[in-house]
Amino acid sequence: MKLVETLFESFLWNSRLMVLAAVLASLAAAIAVLYMASVDAWIMISHLGEYISPDLSVEARAKLRSTTITHVVEIIDGYLLATVLLIFALGLYELFISKIEQASNSARGSKILVIRNLDDLKSRLAKVILMILIVKYFEHALNMEFNNAHDLLYFAGGIALLGLALYLSHAAEHKAEH
């Protein structure tokens, strides 16, 4: 009976290696999103030569500026999403598979990968996702049209809620440290 128990426990313990599929998929997705954001950045920068053209009307220049700022926000959003996927992959690996030795020996590793349990991983991901939401809100704010006072009030309320979310996330972080 002890042999069956030992074999079963060994099987259970080694089943954690299934998480490698999620680690590899998250890493591949991070690379893909990083690639797309970098291509978008390159294309956006290559089109900025049009901005200096003397043939461009004031209205066309303003539209190009607005479009460019929107693209910058989308690029930042892509990089943040790639970061989420990378943190997720590294965190899962450290929690379920093995400690990453190079991260332990690196000064940067201690700042990036302080993931001792699933709550630490969720906290890291939540902070980056909150930043993505802020960037998305900013992106929508660039295209917003304020038709009446209520629109402006709702916009201000959204900013206040984002500020509150940032405050609460920082307060929770400081509380966890002490």
N, C-alpha and C. Protein backbone atom coordinates (compact mmCIF):
# COMPACT_ATOMS: atom_id res chain seq x y z
N MET A 1 0.82 -1.19 0.00
CA MET A 1 0.00 0.00 0.00
C MET A 1 0.87 1.27 0.00
N LYS A 2 1.99 1.21 0.71
CA LYS A 2 2.90 2.36 0.78
C LYS A 2 3.47 2.69 -0.60
N LEU A 3 3.75 1.65 -1.40
CA LEU A 3 4.27 1.86 -2.75
C LEU A 3 3.25 2.60 -3.62
N VAL A 4 1.97 2.22 -3.51
CA VAL A 4 0.91 2.88 -4.29
C VAL A 4 0.80 4.34 -3.85
N GLU A 5 0.86 4.58 -2.57
CA GLU A 5 0.78 5.94 -2.06
C GLU A 5 1.97 6.77 -2.55
N THR A 6 3.15 6.21 -2.52
CA THR A 6 4.36 6.91 -2.98
C THR A 6 4.26 7.22 -4.46
N LEU A 7 3.82 6.25 -5.25
CA LEU A 7 3.67 6.47 -6.69
C LEU A 7 2.62 7.54 -6.99
N PHE A 8 1.51 7.48 -6.25
CA PHE A 8 0.44 8.45 -6.47
C PHE A 8 0.90 9.86 -6.08
N GLU A 9 1.58 9.98 -4.96
CA GLU A 9 2.08 11.29 -4.54
C GLU A 9 3.13 11.82 -5.51
N SER A 10 3.93 10.94 -6.04
CA SER A 10 4.91 11.33 -7.05
C SER A 10 4.20 11.84 -8.30
N PHE A 11 3.15 11.13 -8.71
CA PHE A 11 2.35 11.56 -9.86
C PHE A 11 1.72 12.93 -9.59
N LEU A 12 1.15 13.10 -8.40
CA LEU A 12 0.53 14.39 -8.06
C LEU A 12 1.56 15.51 -8.09
N TRP A 13 2.71 15.28 -7.48
CA TRP A 13 3.74 16.31 -7.44
C TRP A 13 4.23 16.67 -8.84
N ASN A 14 4.44 15.67 -9.67
CA ASN A 14 4.92 15.94 -11.03
C ASN A 14 3.84 16.52 -11.94
N SER A 15 2.58 16.42 -11.54
CA SER A 15 1.51 17.00 -12.36
C SER A 15 1.61 18.52 -12.41
N ARG A 16 2.35 19.12 -11.47
CA ARG A 16 2.55 20.56 -11.51
C ARG A 16 3.28 20.99 -12.77
N LEU A 17 3.99 20.07 -13.40
CA LEU A 17 4.73 20.39 -14.62
C LEU A 17 3.80 20.74 -15.79
N MET A 18 2.50 20.44 -15.64
CA MET A 18 1.53 20.84 -16.67
C MET A 18 1.49 22.35 -16.81
N VAL A 19 1.88 23.05 -15.76
CA VAL A 19 1.89 24.51 -15.78
C VAL A 19 2.88 25.03 -16.82
N LEU A 20 3.84 24.20 -17.20
CA LEU A 20 4.79 24.60 -18.24
C LEU A 20 4.08 25.01 -19.53
N ALA A 21 2.95 24.37 -19.82
CA ALA A 21 2.19 24.74 -21.02
C ALA A 21 1.72 26.19 -20.91
N ALA A 22 1.22 26.57 -19.74
CA ALA A 22 0.76 27.95 -19.54
C ALA A 22 1.94 28.92 -19.57
N VAL A 23 3.07 28.51 -19.01
CA VAL A 23 4.27 29.36 -19.00
C VAL A 23 4.73 29.62 -20.43
N LEU A 24 4.85 28.55 -21.22
CA LEU A 24 5.31 28.69 -22.60
C LEU A 24 4.32 29.48 -23.45
N ALA A 25 3.02 29.22 -23.26
CA ALA A 25 2.01 29.95 -24.03
C ALA A 25 2.01 31.43 -23.66
N SER A 26 2.15 31.74 -22.38
CA SER A 26 2.19 33.14 -21.95
C SER A 26 3.44 33.84 -22.48
N LEU A 27 4.55 33.13 -22.46
CA LEU A 27 5.79 33.69 -22.99
C LEU A 27 5.67 33.95 -24.50
N ALA A 28 5.09 33.00 -25.22
CA ALA A 28 4.90 33.17 -26.66
C ALA A 28 3.96 34.35 -26.94
N ALA A 29 2.90 34.46 -26.15
CA ALA A 29 1.96 35.57 -26.33
C ALA A 29 2.64 36.90 -26.01
N ALA A 30 3.48 36.92 -24.97
CA ALA A 30 4.21 38.15 -24.62
C ALA A 30 5.12 38.58 -25.76
N ILE A 31 5.81 37.61 -26.35
CA ILE A 31 6.70 37.91 -27.48
C ILE A 31 5.89 38.44 -28.66
N ALA A 32 4.73 37.82 -28.92
CA ALA A 32 3.88 38.25 -30.04
C ALA A 32 3.37 39.67 -29.83
N VAL A 33 2.89 39.97 -28.62
CA VAL A 33 2.36 41.31 -28.35
C VAL A 33 3.49 42.34 -28.38
N LEU A 34 4.65 41.99 -27.85
CA LEU A 34 5.81 42.87 -27.90
C LEU A 34 6.22 43.16 -29.34
N TYR A 35 6.19 42.14 -30.16
CA TYR A 35 6.51 42.30 -31.59
C TYR A 35 5.49 43.23 -32.26
N MET A 36 4.20 43.00 -32.01
CA MET A 36 3.17 43.84 -32.64
C MET A 36 3.29 45.30 -32.20
N ALA A 37 3.52 45.52 -30.90
CA ALA A 37 3.65 46.89 -30.40
C ALA A 37 4.89 47.57 -31.00
N SER A 38 5.96 46.81 -31.15
CA SER A 38 7.19 47.37 -31.73
C SER A 38 7.00 47.70 -33.20
N VAL A 39 6.31 46.84 -33.94
CA VAL A 39 6.02 47.12 -35.35
C VAL A 39 5.13 48.36 -35.45
N ASP A 40 4.11 48.45 -34.60
CA ASP A 40 3.25 49.63 -34.59
C ASP A 40 4.05 50.90 -34.30
N ALA A 41 4.99 50.81 -33.36
CA ALA A 41 5.82 51.97 -33.03
C ALA A 41 6.67 52.37 -34.22
N TRP A 42 7.26 51.39 -34.88
CA TRP A 42 8.10 51.67 -36.05
C TRP A 42 7.28 52.32 -37.17
N ILE A 43 6.11 51.79 -37.44
CA ILE A 43 5.26 52.36 -38.49
C ILE A 43 4.82 53.77 -38.13
N MET A 44 4.45 53.98 -36.87
CA MET A 44 4.02 55.31 -36.44
C MET A 44 5.16 56.32 -36.60
N ILE A 45 6.35 55.93 -36.18
CA ILE A 45 7.50 56.83 -36.28
C ILE A 45 7.83 57.12 -37.75
N SER A 46 7.70 56.11 -38.60
CA SER A 46 8.02 56.31 -40.02
C SER A 46 7.04 57.26 -40.71
N HIS A 47 5.83 57.39 -40.17
CA HIS A 47 4.84 58.30 -40.76
C HIS A 47 4.93 59.73 -40.21
N LEU A 48 5.79 59.95 -39.23
CA LEU A 48 5.86 61.28 -38.63
C LEU A 48 6.52 62.31 -39.55
N GLY A 49 7.18 61.86 -40.60
CA GLY A 49 7.76 62.79 -41.56
C GLY A 49 6.70 63.65 -42.23
N GLU A 50 5.48 63.13 -42.35
CA GLU A 50 4.37 63.88 -42.95
C GLU A 50 4.01 65.10 -42.11
N TYR A 51 4.26 65.04 -40.81
CA TYR A 51 3.85 66.11 -39.90
C TYR A 51 4.55 67.44 -40.21
N ILE A 52 5.77 67.37 -40.72
CA ILE A 52 6.53 68.59 -41.00
C ILE A 52 6.22 69.17 -42.39
N SER A 53 5.50 68.45 -43.19
CA SER A 53 5.21 68.88 -44.55
C SER A 53 4.50 70.24 -44.57
N PRO A 54 5.04 71.20 -45.35
CA PRO A 54 4.41 72.52 -45.43
C PRO A 54 3.07 72.48 -46.18
N ASP A 55 2.82 71.40 -46.92
CA ASP A 55 1.56 71.29 -47.67
C ASP A 55 0.40 70.85 -46.78
N LEU A 56 0.69 70.46 -45.55
CA LEU A 56 -0.33 69.95 -44.64
C LEU A 56 -1.12 71.12 -44.05
N SER A 57 -2.43 71.04 -44.14
CA SER A 57 -3.27 72.11 -43.58
C SER A 57 -3.28 71.99 -42.05
N VAL A 58 -3.74 73.04 -41.41
CA VAL A 58 -3.79 73.07 -39.95
C VAL A 58 -4.71 71.96 -39.44
N GLU A 59 -5.84 71.76 -40.11
CA GLU A 59 -6.79 70.73 -39.70
C GLU A 59 -6.18 69.33 -39.89
N ALA A 60 -5.50 69.13 -41.01
CA ALA A 60 -4.88 67.82 -41.26
C ALA A 60 -3.76 67.55 -40.27
N ARG A 61 -3.00 68.60 -39.93
CA ARG A 61 -1.92 68.45 -38.95
C ARG A 61 -2.50 68.10 -37.58
N ALA A 62 -3.61 68.75 -37.21
CA ALA A 62 -4.26 68.47 -35.92
C ALA A 62 -4.78 67.03 -35.89
N LYS A 63 -5.35 66.57 -37.01
CA LYS A 63 -5.85 65.19 -37.08
C LYS A 63 -4.69 64.20 -36.99
N LEU A 64 -3.59 64.49 -37.69
CA LEU A 64 -2.41 63.61 -37.64
C LEU A 64 -1.85 63.56 -36.22
N ARG A 65 -1.82 64.72 -35.56
CA ARG A 65 -1.33 64.77 -34.17
C ARG A 65 -2.21 63.93 -33.27
N SER A 66 -3.51 64.08 -33.39
CA SER A 66 -4.46 63.31 -32.58
C SER A 66 -4.32 61.81 -32.84
N THR A 67 -4.21 61.45 -34.11
CA THR A 67 -4.06 60.04 -34.48
C THR A 67 -2.75 59.48 -33.94
N THR A 68 -1.68 60.26 -34.02
CA THR A 68 -0.38 59.82 -33.53
C THR A 68 -0.42 59.60 -32.02
N ILE A 69 -1.03 60.52 -31.29
CA ILE A 69 -1.12 60.37 -29.83
C ILE A 69 -1.94 59.13 -29.49
N THR A 70 -3.01 58.88 -30.23
CA THR A 70 -3.80 57.66 -30.01
C THR A 70 -2.96 56.42 -30.27
N HIS A 71 -2.15 56.45 -31.32
CA HIS A 71 -1.28 55.30 -31.61
C HIS A 71 -0.23 55.10 -30.50
N VAL A 72 0.30 56.20 -29.98
CA VAL A 72 1.27 56.09 -28.88
C VAL A 72 0.63 55.40 -27.68
N VAL A 73 -0.60 55.80 -27.36
CA VAL A 73 -1.31 55.19 -26.23
C VAL A 73 -1.54 53.70 -26.50
N GLU A 74 -1.91 53.35 -27.73
CA GLU A 74 -2.12 51.94 -28.07
C GLU A 74 -0.81 51.15 -27.97
N ILE A 75 0.30 51.76 -28.35
CA ILE A 75 1.61 51.10 -28.26
C ILE A 75 1.97 50.86 -26.79
N ILE A 76 1.77 51.87 -25.95
CA ILE A 76 2.02 51.71 -24.52
C ILE A 76 1.16 50.59 -23.97
N ASP A 77 -0.08 50.54 -24.39
CA ASP A 77 -1.01 49.49 -23.97
C ASP A 77 -0.47 48.12 -24.37
N GLY A 78 0.06 48.01 -25.57
CA GLY A 78 0.63 46.74 -26.03
C GLY A 78 1.82 46.32 -25.20
N TYR A 79 2.70 47.27 -24.90
CA TYR A 79 3.87 46.95 -24.07
C TYR A 79 3.45 46.54 -22.66
N LEU A 80 2.45 47.21 -22.11
CA LEU A 80 1.96 46.84 -20.78
C LEU A 80 1.36 45.43 -20.79
N LEU A 81 0.62 45.11 -21.84
CA LEU A 81 0.04 43.77 -21.94
C LEU A 81 1.14 42.71 -22.07
N ALA A 82 2.17 43.01 -22.82
CA ALA A 82 3.30 42.07 -22.93
C ALA A 82 3.95 41.89 -21.57
N THR A 83 4.04 42.96 -20.79
CA THR A 83 4.60 42.88 -19.45
C THR A 83 3.75 42.00 -18.55
N VAL A 84 2.43 42.14 -18.63
CA VAL A 84 1.53 41.29 -17.85
C VAL A 84 1.77 39.83 -18.17
N LEU A 85 1.85 39.52 -19.45
CA LEU A 85 2.06 38.13 -19.86
C LEU A 85 3.41 37.60 -19.40
N LEU A 86 4.43 38.44 -19.45
CA LEU A 86 5.76 38.03 -19.01
C LEU A 86 5.80 37.80 -17.49
N ILE A 87 5.21 38.71 -16.73
CA ILE A 87 5.15 38.55 -15.28
C ILE A 87 4.37 37.29 -14.93
N PHE A 88 3.28 37.05 -15.65
CA PHE A 88 2.47 35.86 -15.42
C PHE A 88 3.29 34.60 -15.68
N ALA A 89 4.01 34.57 -16.80
CA ALA A 89 4.82 33.39 -17.14
C ALA A 89 5.91 33.16 -16.10
N LEU A 90 6.63 34.21 -15.73
CA LEU A 90 7.70 34.08 -14.75
C LEU A 90 7.16 33.68 -13.38
N GLY A 91 6.04 34.29 -13.00
CA GLY A 91 5.44 33.99 -11.71
C GLY A 91 4.95 32.56 -11.62
N LEU A 92 4.28 32.09 -12.66
CA LEU A 92 3.83 30.70 -12.66
C LEU A 92 5.00 29.73 -12.58
N TYR A 93 6.05 30.04 -13.33
CA TYR A 93 7.22 29.17 -13.32
C TYR A 93 7.82 29.10 -11.91
N GLU A 94 7.99 30.27 -11.29
CA GLU A 94 8.57 30.29 -9.95
C GLU A 94 7.69 29.63 -8.91
N LEU A 95 6.38 29.78 -9.04
CA LEU A 95 5.48 29.20 -8.05
C LEU A 95 5.35 27.68 -8.18
N PHE A 96 5.31 27.19 -9.41
CA PHE A 96 4.98 25.78 -9.61
C PHE A 96 6.15 24.90 -10.04
N ILE A 97 7.14 25.47 -10.70
CA ILE A 97 8.20 24.64 -11.27
C ILE A 97 9.47 24.76 -10.45
N SER A 98 10.11 25.92 -10.49
CA SER A 98 11.40 26.06 -9.84
C SER A 98 11.74 27.54 -9.69
N LYS A 99 12.56 27.83 -8.73
CA LYS A 99 13.07 29.19 -8.56
C LYS A 99 14.02 29.49 -9.71
N ILE A 100 13.97 30.69 -10.23
CA ILE A 100 14.85 31.08 -11.33
C ILE A 100 16.15 31.59 -10.71
N GLU A 101 17.21 30.82 -10.86
CA GLU A 101 18.48 31.12 -10.21
C GLU A 101 19.07 32.45 -10.68
N GLN A 102 19.00 32.72 -11.98
CA GLN A 102 19.56 33.97 -12.49
C GLN A 102 18.85 35.18 -11.90
N ALA A 103 17.54 35.06 -11.67
CA ALA A 103 16.80 36.16 -11.06
C ALA A 103 17.21 36.35 -9.60
N SER A 104 17.48 35.26 -8.92
CA SER A 104 17.90 35.33 -7.51
C SER A 104 19.25 36.02 -7.36
N ASN A 105 20.13 35.81 -8.33
CA ASN A 105 21.48 36.38 -8.28
C ASN A 105 21.57 37.77 -8.89
N SER A 106 20.48 38.26 -9.43
CA SER A 106 20.47 39.55 -10.10
C SER A 106 19.86 40.62 -9.19
N ALA A 107 20.40 41.82 -9.26
CA ALA A 107 19.83 42.94 -8.50
C ALA A 107 18.43 43.29 -9.01
N ARG A 108 18.20 43.17 -10.31
CA ARG A 108 16.91 43.46 -10.89
C ARG A 108 15.88 42.38 -10.58
N GLY A 109 16.35 41.15 -10.48
CA GLY A 109 15.44 40.03 -10.24
C GLY A 109 14.66 40.17 -8.95
N SER A 110 15.29 40.73 -7.92
CA SER A 110 14.59 40.88 -6.65
C SER A 110 13.47 41.91 -6.75
N LYS A 111 13.60 42.86 -7.67
CA LYS A 111 12.57 43.87 -7.83
C LYS A 111 11.42 43.38 -8.70
N ILE A 112 11.73 42.54 -9.66
CA ILE A 112 10.71 42.06 -10.59
C ILE A 112 9.96 40.86 -10.03
N LEU A 113 10.69 39.92 -9.48
CA LEU A 113 10.10 38.65 -9.08
C LEU A 113 10.09 38.44 -7.58
N VAL A 114 9.32 39.24 -6.89
CA VAL A 114 9.10 38.98 -5.48
C VAL A 114 7.74 38.31 -5.41
N ILE A 115 7.68 37.09 -5.86
CA ILE A 115 6.43 36.34 -5.93
C ILE A 115 6.59 35.10 -5.06
N ARG A 116 6.02 35.19 -3.87
CA ARG A 116 6.14 34.08 -2.93
C ARG A 116 4.93 33.16 -2.96
N ASN A 117 3.79 33.69 -3.43
CA ASN A 117 2.57 32.88 -3.48
C ASN A 117 1.64 33.45 -4.55
N LEU A 118 0.49 32.84 -4.70
CA LEU A 118 -0.45 33.29 -5.73
C LEU A 118 -0.96 34.71 -5.47
N ASP A 119 -1.06 35.09 -4.21
CA ASP A 119 -1.50 36.46 -3.90
C ASP A 119 -0.49 37.49 -4.40
N ASP A 120 0.80 37.20 -4.26
CA ASP A 120 1.83 38.10 -4.80
C ASP A 120 1.70 38.22 -6.31
N LEU A 121 1.48 37.08 -6.97
CA LEU A 121 1.33 37.10 -8.43
C LEU A 121 0.09 37.90 -8.83
N LYS A 122 -1.01 37.67 -8.14
CA LYS A 122 -2.24 38.41 -8.44
C LYS A 122 -2.04 39.90 -8.21
N SER A 123 -1.33 40.25 -7.15
CA SER A 123 -1.08 41.66 -6.85
C SER A 123 -0.26 42.32 -7.96
N ARG A 124 0.79 41.64 -8.40
CA ARG A 124 1.63 42.19 -9.49
C ARG A 124 0.80 42.37 -10.75
N LEU A 125 0.03 41.34 -11.09
CA LEU A 125 -0.78 41.42 -12.30
C LEU A 125 -1.84 42.51 -12.18
N ALA A 126 -2.45 42.63 -11.02
CA ALA A 126 -3.50 43.64 -10.82
C ALA A 126 -2.95 45.05 -11.03
N LYS A 127 -1.73 45.30 -10.57
CA LYS A 127 -1.14 46.62 -10.75
C LYS A 127 -0.91 46.94 -12.22
N VAL A 128 -0.41 45.97 -12.96
CA VAL A 128 -0.17 46.22 -14.38
C VAL A 128 -1.49 46.33 -15.14
N ILE A 129 -2.47 45.52 -14.77
CA ILE A 129 -3.78 45.60 -15.42
C ILE A 129 -4.43 46.95 -15.12
N LEU A 130 -4.26 47.45 -13.89
CA LEU A 130 -4.77 48.77 -13.55
C LEU A 130 -4.13 49.83 -14.44
N MET A 131 -2.83 49.70 -14.70
CA MET A 131 -2.16 50.65 -15.59
C MET A 131 -2.72 50.55 -17.01
N ILE A 132 -3.02 49.34 -17.46
CA ILE A 132 -3.61 49.16 -18.79
C ILE A 132 -4.96 49.86 -18.84
N LEU A 133 -5.77 49.70 -17.79
CA LEU A 133 -7.08 50.36 -17.75
C LEU A 133 -6.94 51.88 -17.77
N ILE A 134 -5.94 52.40 -17.08
CA ILE A 134 -5.71 53.85 -17.08
C ILE A 134 -5.32 54.32 -18.48
N VAL A 135 -4.46 53.56 -19.13
CA VAL A 135 -4.05 53.92 -20.49
C VAL A 135 -5.26 53.87 -21.43
N LYS A 136 -6.10 52.84 -21.29
CA LYS A 136 -7.31 52.74 -22.13
C LYS A 136 -8.25 53.92 -21.87
N TYR A 137 -8.40 54.30 -20.60
CA TYR A 137 -9.25 55.44 -20.27
C TYR A 137 -8.70 56.71 -20.94
N PHE A 138 -7.39 56.87 -20.88
CA PHE A 138 -6.75 58.02 -21.52
C PHE A 138 -6.99 57.98 -23.03
N GLU A 139 -6.89 56.78 -23.61
CA GLU A 139 -7.12 56.64 -25.05
C GLU A 139 -8.55 57.07 -25.42
N HIS A 140 -9.52 56.64 -24.63
CA HIS A 140 -10.92 57.04 -24.90
C HIS A 140 -11.13 58.52 -24.63
N ALA A 141 -10.41 59.05 -23.64
CA ALA A 141 -10.55 60.47 -23.32
C ALA A 141 -10.07 61.35 -24.47
N LEU A 142 -9.07 60.88 -25.21
CA LEU A 142 -8.58 61.66 -26.34
C LEU A 142 -9.64 61.83 -27.42
N ASN A 143 -10.52 60.85 -27.55
CA ASN A 143 -11.54 60.89 -28.60
C ASN A 143 -12.91 61.33 -28.09
N MET A 144 -12.99 61.69 -26.81
CA MET A 144 -14.27 62.06 -26.22
C MET A 144 -14.72 63.43 -26.69
N GLU A 145 -16.01 63.56 -26.86
CA GLU A 145 -16.60 64.86 -27.16
C GLU A 145 -17.52 65.22 -26.00
N PHE A 146 -17.32 66.40 -25.48
CA PHE A 146 -18.12 66.85 -24.35
C PHE A 146 -19.25 67.72 -24.90
N ASN A 147 -20.47 67.17 -24.89
CA ASN A 147 -21.62 67.88 -25.43
C ASN A 147 -22.36 68.70 -24.38
N ASN A 148 -22.23 68.29 -23.12
CA ASN A 148 -22.89 69.03 -22.05
C ASN A 148 -22.10 68.87 -20.76
N ALA A 149 -22.59 69.51 -19.71
CA ALA A 149 -21.89 69.49 -18.42
C ALA A 149 -21.84 68.09 -17.82
N HIS A 150 -22.87 67.28 -18.09
CA HIS A 150 -22.89 65.92 -17.55
C HIS A 150 -21.72 65.09 -18.09
N ASP A 151 -21.41 65.27 -19.37
CA ASP A 151 -20.29 64.54 -19.96
C ASP A 151 -18.99 64.88 -19.24
N LEU A 152 -18.79 66.15 -18.98
CA LEU A 152 -17.58 66.58 -18.29
C LEU A 152 -17.57 66.07 -16.85
N LEU A 153 -18.73 66.05 -16.21
CA LEU A 153 -18.84 65.54 -14.85
C LEU A 153 -18.54 64.03 -14.80
N TYR A 154 -19.06 63.28 -15.76
CA TYR A 154 -18.78 61.84 -15.82
C TYR A 154 -17.29 61.59 -16.06
N PHE A 155 -16.70 62.38 -16.92
CA PHE A 155 -15.27 62.26 -17.21
C PHE A 155 -14.45 62.53 -15.94
N ALA A 156 -14.80 63.59 -15.22
CA ALA A 156 -14.11 63.92 -13.97
C ALA A 156 -14.32 62.81 -12.93
N GLY A 157 -15.52 62.25 -12.89
CA GLY A 157 -15.79 61.14 -11.98
C GLY A 157 -14.93 59.92 -12.31
N GLY A 158 -14.75 59.65 -13.59
CA GLY A 158 -13.88 58.56 -14.00
C GLY A 158 -12.45 58.77 -13.57
N ILE A 159 -11.97 59.99 -13.72
CA ILE A 159 -10.60 60.32 -13.28
C ILE A 159 -10.48 60.15 -11.77
N ALA A 160 -11.50 60.60 -11.03
CA ALA A 160 -11.48 60.45 -9.57
C ALA A 160 -11.46 58.97 -9.18
N LEU A 161 -12.22 58.14 -9.87
CA LEU A 161 -12.23 56.70 -9.56
C LEU A 161 -10.89 56.06 -9.89
N LEU A 162 -10.27 56.48 -10.98
CA LEU A 162 -8.93 55.97 -11.30
C LEU A 162 -7.92 56.38 -10.23
N GLY A 163 -8.01 57.61 -9.77
CA GLY A 163 -7.14 58.07 -8.70
C GLY A 163 -7.36 57.28 -7.42
N LEU A 164 -8.61 57.00 -7.11
CA LEU A 164 -8.93 56.20 -5.93
C LEU A 164 -8.37 54.78 -6.06
N ALA A 165 -8.51 54.21 -7.24
CA ALA A 165 -7.97 52.86 -7.46
C ALA A 165 -6.46 52.84 -7.29
N LEU A 166 -5.77 53.84 -7.81
CA LEU A 166 -4.32 53.93 -7.62
C LEU A 166 -3.96 54.10 -6.15
N TYR A 167 -4.69 54.97 -5.47
CA TYR A 167 -4.44 55.19 -4.04
C TYR A 167 -4.62 53.90 -3.25
N LEU A 168 -5.72 53.18 -3.51
CA LEU A 168 -5.99 51.95 -2.77
C LEU A 168 -4.95 50.87 -3.08
N SER A 169 -4.49 50.80 -4.34
CA SER A 169 -3.49 49.79 -4.67
C SER A 169 -2.16 50.11 -3.97
N HIS A 170 -1.80 51.37 -3.88
CA HIS A 170 -0.57 51.76 -3.17
C HIS A 170 -0.73 51.57 -1.66
N ALA A 171 -1.92 51.87 -1.14
CA ALA A 171 -2.15 51.68 0.29
C ALA A 171 -2.08 50.20 0.65
N ALA A 172 -2.61 49.35 -0.20
CA ALA A 172 -2.55 47.90 0.05
C ALA A 172 -1.11 47.41 -0.02
N GLU A 173 -0.33 47.96 -0.92
CA GLU A 173 1.08 47.57 -1.04
C GLU A 173 1.86 47.96 0.22
N HIS A 174 1.64 49.17 0.70
CA HIS A 174 2.35 49.63 1.90
C HIS A 174 1.90 48.84 3.13
N LYS A 175 0.63 48.49 3.18
CA LYS A 175 0.12 47.70 4.30
C LYS A 175 0.75 46.31 4.29
N ALA A 176 0.92 45.73 3.11
CA ALA A 176 1.53 44.40 3.00
C ALA A 176 3.01 44.43 3.40
N GLU A 177 3.68 45.56 3.14
CA GLU A 177 5.10 45.68 3.49
C GLU A 177 5.29 45.76 5.00
N HIS A 178 4.32 46.35 5.70
CA HIS A 178 4.47 46.52 7.16
C HIS A 178 3.71 45.47 7.87
